[in-house]
Amino acid sequence: MEVHEQPEAAVEWLHAPAAALGGATPLAVSRDGPGLQRALALLGRIEQGVFG
């Protein structure tokens, strides 16, 4: 999955609060299996252009 073309953009995304994750950062929610699945699902939606 190559949503972010630049490594810097990926790092920024990991540390940015996401409304779809209840205001948590993708990095914070990825600390357990279910949270990781939520972050990956969000990344998949971004890749597909689904923002709602």
Protein backbone atom coordinates (compact mmCIF):
# COMPACT_ATOMS: atom_id res chain seq x y z
CA MET A 1 0.00 0.00 0.00
CA GLU A 2 1.64 3.22 -1.13
CA VAL A 3 -0.71 5.95 -0.01
CA HIS A 4 2.03 8.35 1.03
CA GLU A 5 4.68 8.77 -1.64
CA GLN A 6 7.20 10.45 0.65
CA PRO A 7 8.41 8.92 3.94
CA GLU A 8 7.98 12.30 5.62
CA ALA A 9 4.29 12.33 4.70
CA ALA A 10 3.85 8.86 6.20
CA VAL A 11 5.51 9.92 9.46
CA GLU A 12 3.35 13.04 9.60
CA TRP A 13 0.20 10.93 9.06
CA LEU A 14 1.20 8.52 11.84
CA HIS A 15 1.51 11.40 14.31
CA ALA A 16 -1.55 13.43 13.23
CA PRO A 17 -4.84 13.06 15.16
CA ALA A 18 -7.51 11.45 12.98
CA ALA A 19 -11.22 12.10 13.46
CA ALA A 20 -11.93 8.58 12.14
CA LEU A 21 -9.89 7.23 15.05
CA GLY A 22 -11.71 9.28 17.67
CA GLY A 23 -9.08 12.00 17.61
CA ALA A 24 -6.23 9.59 18.36
CA THR A 25 -3.17 9.29 16.18
CA PRO A 26 -2.73 6.22 13.97
CA LEU A 27 0.48 5.44 15.84
CA ALA A 28 -1.28 5.50 19.21
CA VAL A 29 -4.13 3.21 18.17
CA SER A 30 -1.77 0.78 16.44
CA ARG A 31 -0.36 -0.49 19.71
CA ASP A 32 -2.71 -3.49 19.77
CA GLY A 33 -4.26 -5.78 17.17
CA PRO A 34 -7.72 -4.19 16.96
CA GLY A 35 -6.25 -0.68 16.88
CA LEU A 36 -3.82 -1.67 14.16
CA GLN A 37 -6.73 -2.97 12.10
CA ARG A 38 -8.56 0.35 12.56
CA ALA A 39 -5.49 2.31 11.42
CA LEU A 40 -4.98 0.04 8.41
CA ALA A 41 -8.66 0.34 7.49
CA LEU A 42 -8.35 4.13 7.61
CA LEU A 43 -5.27 3.98 5.41
CA GLY A 44 -7.18 1.79 2.96
CA ARG A 45 -10.04 4.28 2.84
CA ILE A 46 -7.58 7.10 2.17
CA GLU A 47 -6.00 5.05 -0.62
CA GLN A 48 -9.44 4.54 -2.19
CA GLY A 49 -10.36 8.20 -1.80
CA VAL A 50 -13.08 7.57 0.79
CA PHE A 51 -12.95 10.27 3.44
CA GLY A 52 -16.34 9.97 5.09
